[in-house]
């Protein structure tokens, strides 16, 4: 299996090309009649993901930023420690360290998953085999400083659209993408931080004939009410309410309206009770053959939404749900058109370093995960602290439902 050879899954109006390298979503294709939209940015050549980092890949073991130091860990009766390794700058360990999950080759585990139950595997096998796949990676003890040997499996499944009467609805469902992350420590009596996400960046207009790149006209609606306060290195120093803050109240306003001069690179906390009630960890004793947490998030009809991204130009709308307690919103403002490559379908040459790559404001990344360095916050102790013990299974999902509005 070549690390940059795409694994294609498809159903109805949706097709994904996913690379074993970093579980990277190379293409996210949406068919709307005669038009096919690729709604994620990225290079033309799969190989270029090696240098065009964090472009639609998984990130881990720990998403976002952790202070570089040795951290003592405790959850329940288990203790350990780890030293976060610097990669963004001397103070910051970003997205799991110098060689995170985005930069390793995952194996295909579709035929022999170990972190999905018999009931869940039966559910998947009843679906079209071309509509899903499962990737696996085993992270060794000490990987990037993190304690414990960790097995991780990632399910990516496409859900076909429900049958609707287009004449009586303003939206035409096109299907959904569901990603489920599972992780388990192979070592006994230890604890390790785990906080995974998909670092995917969207542009709903880039495949139109105009190849409109800016996402400032996209609308964003978030069920959030607080954001992380950051220091000069974007490390978390606490939370602040977004009440009355026009910049950080995303209630369907255009992204470019009241936006910061430097764009968005902010973590938002969901309102109390907004996140899915699905558990974020499963006691090993409860992880039995009959447990099924897959059926609910792979239903054709699904009404929950904690975030919505839409464009009136293309008519596309993405609706997201997750059991994670917040999300990072990043508008690609640290990028430069002089670096990397832009897809031909988005009007680029597809050639890396050609000068026509994606620039600031050309995409919006929506990364669903628990708060930054949550294990450092005393009030999270033994709760949603992003620590996983040997007695637990990590469970994290995000669902992205796609619809065509008003077209």
Protein backbone atom coordinates (compact mmCIF):
# COMPACT_ATOMS: atom_id res chain seq x y z
CA UNK A 1 0.00 0.00 0.00
CA UNK A 2 1.56 3.23 -1.15
CA UNK A 3 1.39 5.99 1.44
CA UNK A 4 0.21 8.56 -1.13
CA UNK A 5 -2.12 6.30 -3.09
CA UNK A 6 -5.68 7.54 -2.39
CA UNK A 7 -8.26 5.21 -0.89
CA UNK A 8 -11.56 6.17 -2.55
CA UNK A 9 -14.90 5.86 -0.83
CA UNK A 10 -18.14 7.00 -2.39
CA UNK A 11 -21.89 6.99 -2.13
CA UNK A 12 -24.55 8.93 -4.01
CA UNK A 13 -23.38 12.52 -4.40
CA UNK A 14 -20.23 12.29 -2.28
CA UNK A 15 -16.73 10.93 -2.92
CA UNK A 16 -13.65 11.11 -0.70
CA UNK A 17 -10.05 10.38 -1.59
CA UNK A 18 -8.17 9.60 1.63
CA UNK A 19 -4.42 9.04 1.89
CA UNK A 20 -2.84 6.52 4.27
CA UNK A 21 -0.30 9.28 4.92
CA UNK A 22 -1.82 11.13 7.88
CA UNK A 23 -5.38 9.93 7.11
CA UNK A 24 -5.42 12.96 4.82
CA UNK A 25 -8.64 13.83 2.97
CA UNK A 26 -7.07 14.71 -0.37
CA UNK A 27 -10.39 15.37 -2.14
CA UNK A 28 -13.93 15.88 -0.83
CA UNK A 29 -16.08 15.82 -3.94
CA UNK A 30 -19.72 16.91 -3.96
CA UNK A 31 -21.88 16.41 -7.07
CA UNK A 32 -24.71 18.89 -7.59
CA UNK A 33 -26.18 18.04 -10.97
CA UNK A 34 -23.60 18.76 -13.65
CA UNK A 35 -21.22 20.55 -11.25
CA UNK A 36 -18.70 18.72 -9.07
CA UNK A 37 -17.24 20.69 -6.17
CA UNK A 38 -14.07 19.80 -4.31
CA UNK A 39 -14.81 21.55 -1.02
CA UNK A 40 -11.40 21.17 0.66
CA UNK A 41 -8.24 23.03 -0.25
CA UNK A 42 -4.96 21.24 -0.90
CA UNK A 43 -2.27 20.37 -3.41
CA UNK A 44 -2.95 18.64 -6.71
CA UNK A 45 -0.41 15.90 -6.13
CA UNK A 46 -0.96 13.68 -3.09
CA UNK A 47 2.81 13.61 -2.48
CA UNK A 48 2.81 17.34 -1.80
CA UNK A 49 0.98 16.78 1.49
CA UNK A 50 4.38 15.87 2.90
CA UNK A 51 5.42 19.53 2.74
CA UNK A 52 1.97 21.16 2.74
CA UNK A 53 1.39 20.12 6.36
CA UNK A 54 -1.88 20.00 8.30
CA UNK A 55 -3.96 20.15 5.13
CA UNK A 56 -7.02 17.98 5.81
CA UNK A 57 -5.03 15.43 7.85
CA UNK A 58 -5.64 13.99 11.28
CA UNK A 59 -3.58 15.63 14.03
CA UNK A 60 -2.47 13.97 17.26
CA UNK A 61 -1.68 12.59 19.71
CA UNK A 62 -2.78 16.01 20.85
CA UNK A 63 -4.44 18.70 18.73
CA UNK A 64 -3.49 22.33 19.07
CA UNK A 65 -0.92 23.77 21.48
CA UNK A 66 0.67 22.50 24.69
CA UNK A 67 3.37 24.31 26.71
CA UNK A 68 6.83 22.79 26.28
CA UNK A 69 7.74 21.34 29.67
CA UNK A 70 7.44 18.13 31.65
CA UNK A 71 3.84 17.60 32.76
CA UNK A 72 2.80 15.36 35.65
CA UNK A 73 -0.40 13.45 34.78
CA UNK A 74 -3.01 11.87 37.01
CA UNK A 75 -6.45 10.49 36.29
CA UNK A 76 -8.09 8.41 38.99
CA UNK A 77 -5.55 5.95 40.37
CA UNK A 78 -3.14 6.21 37.43
CA UNK A 79 -0.16 8.53 37.10
CA UNK A 80 2.53 9.22 34.54
CA UNK A 81 4.39 12.17 33.05
CA UNK A 82 5.48 13.42 29.66
CA UNK A 83 7.65 16.15 28.21
CA UNK A 84 5.99 18.02 25.36
CA UNK A 85 8.41 18.45 22.46
CA UNK A 86 8.85 21.84 20.80
CA UNK A 87 8.07 22.26 17.12
CA UNK A 88 6.18 25.54 16.54
CA UNK A 89 8.63 27.51 18.69
CA UNK A 90 10.69 26.82 21.84
CA UNK A 91 7.62 27.32 24.08
CA UNK A 92 5.00 25.45 22.05
CA UNK A 93 4.36 21.85 21.06
CA UNK A 94 1.87 21.94 18.18
CA UNK A 95 -0.42 19.11 16.99
CA UNK A 96 1.40 16.31 18.79
CA UNK A 97 5.02 17.35 18.30
CA UNK A 98 7.64 17.26 15.54
CA UNK A 99 6.32 14.04 13.95
CA UNK A 100 2.62 13.88 14.73
CA UNK A 101 -0.10 11.56 13.44
CA UNK A 102 -0.39 13.75 10.34
CA UNK A 103 3.09 12.72 9.19
CA UNK A 104 2.97 8.93 9.63
CA UNK A 105 1.64 6.14 7.43
CA UNK A 106 -1.54 4.44 8.64
CA UNK A 107 -2.51 0.89 7.69
CA UNK A 108 -5.91 -0.23 6.46
CA UNK A 109 -7.85 -2.06 9.19
CA UNK A 110 -11.20 -2.38 7.46
CA UNK A 111 -11.20 -6.19 7.62
CA UNK A 112 -9.89 -6.60 11.17
CA UNK A 113 -10.66 -3.59 13.39
CA UNK A 114 -9.93 -4.07 17.08
CA UNK A 115 -11.52 -0.89 18.47
CA UNK A 116 -14.98 -1.32 16.96
CA UNK A 117 -17.42 -3.81 18.47
CA UNK A 118 -19.10 -6.75 16.78
CA UNK A 119 -22.36 -4.81 16.59
CA UNK A 120 -20.62 -1.83 15.00
CA UNK A 121 -18.71 -3.97 12.50
CA UNK A 122 -21.97 -5.72 11.55
CA UNK A 123 -23.58 -2.32 10.98
CA UNK A 124 -20.70 -1.27 8.72
CA UNK A 125 -20.68 -4.54 6.77
CA UNK A 126 -24.38 -4.12 6.04
CA UNK A 127 -23.54 -0.88 4.21
CA UNK A 128 -22.02 -0.55 0.75
CA UNK A 129 -18.39 -1.71 1.18
CA UNK A 130 -17.29 1.17 -1.06
CA UNK A 131 -18.74 3.70 1.40
CA UNK A 132 -16.29 3.37 4.30
CA UNK A 133 -12.81 2.43 5.42
CA UNK A 134 -10.87 2.15 8.68
CA UNK A 135 -7.26 3.20 9.27
CA UNK A 136 -4.98 2.06 12.10
CA UNK A 137 -1.79 3.41 13.64
CA UNK A 138 0.11 2.10 16.66
CA UNK A 139 1.98 4.89 18.41
CA UNK A 140 4.89 3.51 20.47
CA UNK A 141 5.52 4.34 24.11
CA UNK A 142 7.46 7.61 24.26
CA UNK A 143 6.32 8.76 20.81
CA UNK A 144 6.96 12.54 20.74
CA UNK A 145 7.33 12.32 24.53
CA UNK A 146 3.87 10.81 25.17
CA UNK A 147 3.65 7.86 27.57
CA UNK A 148 2.11 4.49 26.74
CA UNK A 149 1.80 2.44 23.57
CA UNK A 150 -1.41 3.68 21.93
CA UNK A 151 -3.46 1.93 19.24
CA UNK A 152 -5.63 4.33 17.23
CA UNK A 153 -8.30 3.46 14.66
CA UNK A 154 -10.13 5.97 12.49
CA UNK A 155 -13.36 5.15 10.69
CA UNK A 156 -14.34 7.32 7.73
CA UNK A 157 -17.82 6.55 6.43
CA UNK A 158 -20.07 8.17 3.86
CA UNK A 159 -23.81 8.24 4.44
CA UNK A 160 -26.21 8.45 1.51
CA UNK A 161 -28.83 11.19 1.48
CA UNK A 162 -32.33 10.41 2.73
CA UNK A 163 -35.20 10.42 0.28
CA UNK A 164 -36.87 13.83 0.23
CA UNK A 165 -39.47 15.66 -1.82
CA UNK A 166 -37.37 18.46 -3.32
CA UNK A 167 -40.49 20.46 -4.14
CA UNK A 168 -41.43 20.91 -0.48
CA UNK A 169 -38.03 21.55 1.07
CA UNK A 170 -35.62 24.47 0.73
CA UNK A 171 -32.66 22.13 1.19
CA UNK A 172 -31.69 19.04 -0.74
CA UNK A 173 -29.59 16.68 1.41
CA UNK A 174 -26.63 15.24 -0.46
CA UNK A 175 -25.27 12.90 2.19
CA UNK A 176 -22.77 13.07 5.05
CA UNK A 177 -19.24 12.24 6.13
CA UNK A 178 -18.81 10.65 9.55
CA UNK A 179 -15.37 10.30 11.14
CA UNK A 180 -14.96 8.25 14.32
CA UNK A 181 -11.68 8.15 16.25
CA UNK A 182 -11.00 5.36 18.75
CA UNK A 183 -7.86 4.88 20.85
CA UNK A 184 -6.70 2.45 23.51
CA UNK A 185 -3.55 2.13 25.60
CA UNK A 186 -1.83 -1.23 25.22
CA UNK A 187 0.09 -0.75 28.46
CA UNK A 188 -1.31 -1.50 31.90
CA UNK A 189 -1.77 1.02 34.69
CA UNK A 190 -0.86 4.23 32.90
CA UNK A 191 -2.42 7.44 31.59
CA UNK A 192 -1.71 9.58 28.52
CA UNK A 193 -3.15 12.73 26.87
CA UNK A 194 -5.26 12.15 23.74
CA UNK A 195 -7.08 14.88 21.80
CA UNK A 196 -7.61 14.13 18.10
CA UNK A 197 -9.19 16.09 15.27
CA UNK A 198 -9.35 16.43 11.49
CA UNK A 199 -7.47 19.53 10.39
CA UNK A 200 -9.64 20.09 7.32
CA UNK A 201 -10.02 23.38 5.49
CA UNK A 202 -13.09 24.29 3.44
CA UNK A 203 -13.94 26.55 0.53
CA UNK A 204 -17.41 26.05 -0.92
CA UNK A 205 -16.85 28.30 -3.97
CA UNK A 206 -13.38 27.37 -5.22
CA UNK A 207 -14.67 24.88 -7.82
CA UNK A 208 -17.07 27.36 -9.41
CA UNK A 209 -16.04 28.65 -12.87
CA UNK A 210 -14.92 31.91 -11.22
CA UNK A 211 -12.64 29.92 -8.83
CA UNK A 212 -13.53 32.39 -6.10
CA UNK A 213 -11.03 31.72 -3.32
CA UNK A 214 -11.98 34.04 -0.50
CA UNK A 215 -14.25 32.54 2.16
CA UNK A 216 -15.09 35.94 3.63
CA UNK A 217 -18.55 35.78 2.04
CA UNK A 218 -19.29 32.35 3.53
CA UNK A 219 -21.62 32.41 6.51
CA UNK A 220 -20.77 30.65 9.77
CA UNK A 221 -23.16 29.73 12.54
CA UNK A 222 -21.70 28.28 15.77
CA UNK A 223 -23.42 27.13 18.97
CA UNK A 224 -20.65 28.69 21.06
CA UNK A 225 -20.49 31.24 23.85
CA UNK A 226 -16.84 31.41 25.00
CA UNK A 227 -13.43 31.53 23.35
CA UNK A 228 -9.91 30.78 24.55
CA UNK A 229 -7.81 33.74 25.66
CA UNK A 230 -4.29 33.22 24.31
CA UNK A 231 -0.86 34.58 25.13
CA UNK A 232 1.67 35.79 22.54
CA UNK A 233 2.43 32.19 21.54
CA UNK A 234 -1.27 31.21 21.33
CA UNK A 235 -1.12 29.13 24.51
CA UNK A 236 -4.37 29.08 26.49
CA UNK A 237 -4.66 31.36 29.52
CA UNK A 238 -8.40 30.82 30.14
CA UNK A 239 -11.79 31.55 28.60
CA UNK A 240 -13.74 34.73 27.89
CA UNK A 241 -17.43 35.15 27.12
CA UNK A 242 -18.32 36.11 23.54
CA UNK A 243 -21.56 37.82 24.63
CA UNK A 244 -21.81 41.21 22.94
CA UNK A 245 -18.63 40.58 20.94
CA UNK A 246 -19.45 41.16 17.25
CA UNK A 247 -16.13 39.68 16.14
CA UNK A 248 -16.62 36.35 17.89
CA UNK A 249 -20.40 35.91 17.75
CA UNK A 250 -20.91 33.62 14.77
CA UNK A 251 -24.68 33.64 14.40
CA UNK A 252 -24.84 33.31 10.63
CA UNK A 253 -22.83 36.42 9.85
CA UNK A 254 -20.41 36.41 6.96
CA UNK A 255 -16.90 35.40 8.04
CA UNK A 256 -15.49 38.65 6.69
CA UNK A 257 -17.97 40.77 8.64
CA UNK A 258 -16.40 42.20 11.84
CA UNK A 259 -13.46 39.85 11.35
CA UNK A 260 -10.07 40.46 13.01
CA UNK A 261 -7.46 42.16 10.85
CA UNK A 262 -5.27 39.07 11.09
CA UNK A 263 -8.19 36.71 10.43
CA UNK A 264 -9.48 34.00 12.74
CA UNK A 265 -7.26 31.56 14.60
CA UNK A 266 -9.50 31.00 17.61
CA UNK A 267 -10.82 28.16 19.75
CA UNK A 268 -14.51 28.40 20.69
CA UNK A 269 -16.22 26.54 23.51
CA UNK A 270 -19.68 25.16 22.79
CA UNK A 271 -22.67 26.26 24.83
CA UNK A 272 -23.58 24.02 27.73
CA UNK A 273 -25.41 20.97 26.38
CA UNK A 274 -24.77 21.80 22.71
CA UNK A 275 -22.33 18.96 22.04
CA UNK A 276 -23.64 15.50 21.34
CA UNK A 277 -24.26 13.44 24.48
CA UNK A 278 -22.29 10.52 23.03
CA UNK A 279 -19.53 9.53 25.47
CA UNK A 280 -15.97 10.69 24.85
CA UNK A 281 -14.56 7.65 26.66
CA UNK A 282 -15.86 4.13 27.21
CA UNK A 283 -14.96 2.02 30.21
CA UNK A 284 -13.19 -1.10 28.95
CA UNK A 285 -15.62 -3.28 30.92
CA UNK A 286 -18.53 -1.72 28.99
CA UNK A 287 -16.87 -2.18 25.61
CA UNK A 288 -18.73 -5.37 24.77
CA UNK A 289 -19.91 -7.06 21.58
CA UNK A 290 -23.36 -5.42 21.67
CA UNK A 291 -22.23 -1.82 22.15
CA UNK A 292 -23.11 0.34 19.14
CA UNK A 293 -22.17 4.01 18.98
CA UNK A 294 -21.98 3.98 15.18
CA UNK A 295 -25.60 3.58 14.10
CA UNK A 296 -26.73 6.95 15.43
CA UNK A 297 -24.05 9.00 13.66
CA UNK A 298 -24.42 7.14 10.36
CA UNK A 299 -28.17 7.60 9.99
CA UNK A 300 -29.41 9.06 6.73
CA UNK A 301 -31.72 11.49 8.55
CA UNK A 302 -29.88 13.54 11.14
CA UNK A 303 -31.16 16.78 12.62
CA UNK A 304 -28.46 17.86 15.10
CA UNK A 305 -26.03 20.66 14.27
CA UNK A 306 -23.51 22.62 16.33
CA UNK A 307 -21.89 24.44 13.40
CA UNK A 308 -22.98 25.43 9.90
CA UNK A 309 -20.89 26.77 7.04
CA UNK A 310 -22.69 27.96 3.90
CA UNK A 311 -22.21 29.85 0.66
CA UNK A 312 -24.97 31.51 -1.35
CA UNK A 313 -22.74 31.47 -4.46
CA UNK A 314 -22.49 27.68 -4.68
CA UNK A 315 -25.62 26.94 -2.65
CA UNK A 316 -23.67 24.45 -0.54
CA UNK A 317 -24.11 24.09 3.22
CA UNK A 318 -22.11 21.94 5.61
CA UNK A 319 -23.67 21.11 8.99
CA UNK A 320 -21.48 19.60 11.71
CA UNK A 321 -22.10 17.66 14.88
CA UNK A 322 -19.62 16.22 17.38
CA UNK A 323 -19.24 14.99 20.94
CA UNK A 324 -16.24 17.27 21.37
CA UNK A 325 -16.73 20.40 23.46
CA UNK A 326 -15.42 23.01 21.07
CA UNK A 327 -13.71 23.80 17.79
CA UNK A 328 -10.85 25.74 16.32
CA UNK A 329 -11.72 28.22 13.56
CA UNK A 330 -8.75 29.17 11.38
CA UNK A 331 -9.02 31.23 8.18
CA UNK A 332 -5.65 30.22 6.70
CA UNK A 333 -4.07 33.60 7.39
CA UNK A 334 -0.60 32.21 8.13
CA UNK A 335 -0.40 30.87 4.58
CA UNK A 336 1.16 32.42 1.48
CA UNK A 337 0.36 31.95 -2.20
CA UNK A 338 4.10 31.60 -2.79
CA UNK A 339 4.26 28.34 -0.81
CA UNK A 340 2.72 25.00 -1.71
CA UNK A 341 0.29 24.26 -4.52
CA UNK A 342 -3.35 24.88 -5.40
CA UNK A 343 -5.59 22.25 -7.02
CA UNK A 344 -6.33 22.57 -10.72
CA UNK A 345 -10.04 22.30 -9.89
CA UNK A 346 -9.62 25.48 -7.84
CA UNK A 347 -7.96 27.41 -10.66
CA UNK A 348 -4.38 26.63 -9.67
CA UNK A 349 -1.50 25.22 -11.69
CA UNK A 350 -1.18 22.31 -9.28
CA UNK A 351 2.58 22.92 -9.20
CA UNK A 352 4.24 23.40 -5.82
CA UNK A 353 6.13 26.69 -5.51
CA UNK A 354 4.52 28.11 -8.68
CA UNK A 355 3.24 31.18 -6.80
CA UNK A 356 -0.46 30.42 -7.17
CA UNK A 357 -1.17 28.44 -4.00
CA UNK A 358 -3.77 29.37 -1.35
CA UNK A 359 -3.36 32.60 0.57
CA UNK A 360 -4.86 34.22 3.65
CA UNK A 361 -8.64 33.93 3.80
CA UNK A 362 -8.83 31.28 1.07
CA UNK A 363 -10.19 28.56 3.38
CA UNK A 364 -11.74 28.11 6.79
CA UNK A 365 -10.60 25.22 8.94
CA UNK A 366 -13.16 23.82 11.39
CA UNK A 367 -11.37 21.49 13.82
CA UNK A 368 -13.58 19.83 16.43
CA UNK A 369 -11.73 18.79 19.59
CA UNK A 370 -11.66 19.33 23.35
CA UNK A 371 -10.08 22.54 24.73
CA UNK A 372 -6.37 23.30 24.47
CA UNK A 373 -4.27 21.47 27.08
CA UNK A 374 -7.44 20.63 29.03
CA UNK A 375 -5.50 18.39 31.42
CA UNK A 376 -3.75 21.48 32.82
CA UNK A 377 -7.04 23.01 34.01
CA UNK A 378 -7.69 21.93 37.65
CA UNK A 379 -11.50 22.07 37.29
CA UNK A 380 -11.29 19.34 34.62
CA UNK A 381 -9.61 16.84 36.94
CA UNK A 382 -11.02 13.33 36.37
CA UNK A 383 -13.69 14.83 34.08
CA UNK A 384 -13.25 15.96 30.45
CA UNK A 385 -9.51 16.34 30.99
CA UNK A 386 -8.36 14.73 27.68
CA UNK A 387 -6.50 12.06 29.65
CA UNK A 388 -6.98 8.40 28.78
CA UNK A 389 -6.22 5.55 31.18
CA UNK A 390 -5.53 1.89 30.54
CA UNK A 391 -9.11 1.12 31.61
CA UNK A 392 -10.78 3.25 28.92
CA UNK A 393 -11.41 3.52 25.17
CA UNK A 394 -11.26 6.97 23.59
CA UNK A 395 -14.31 7.82 21.43
CA UNK A 396 -14.54 10.99 19.35
CA UNK A 397 -16.76 11.65 16.34
CA UNK A 398 -17.51 14.42 13.91
CA UNK A 399 -20.29 14.31 11.32
CA UNK A 400 -20.43 16.68 8.34
CA UNK A 401 -23.80 16.71 6.56
CA UNK A 402 -23.89 18.25 3.08
CA UNK A 403 -26.89 19.99 1.53
CA UNK A 404 -27.73 22.12 -1.49
CA UNK A 405 -29.76 25.18 -0.55
CA UNK A 406 -32.00 27.16 -2.86
CA UNK A 407 -30.64 25.68 -6.11
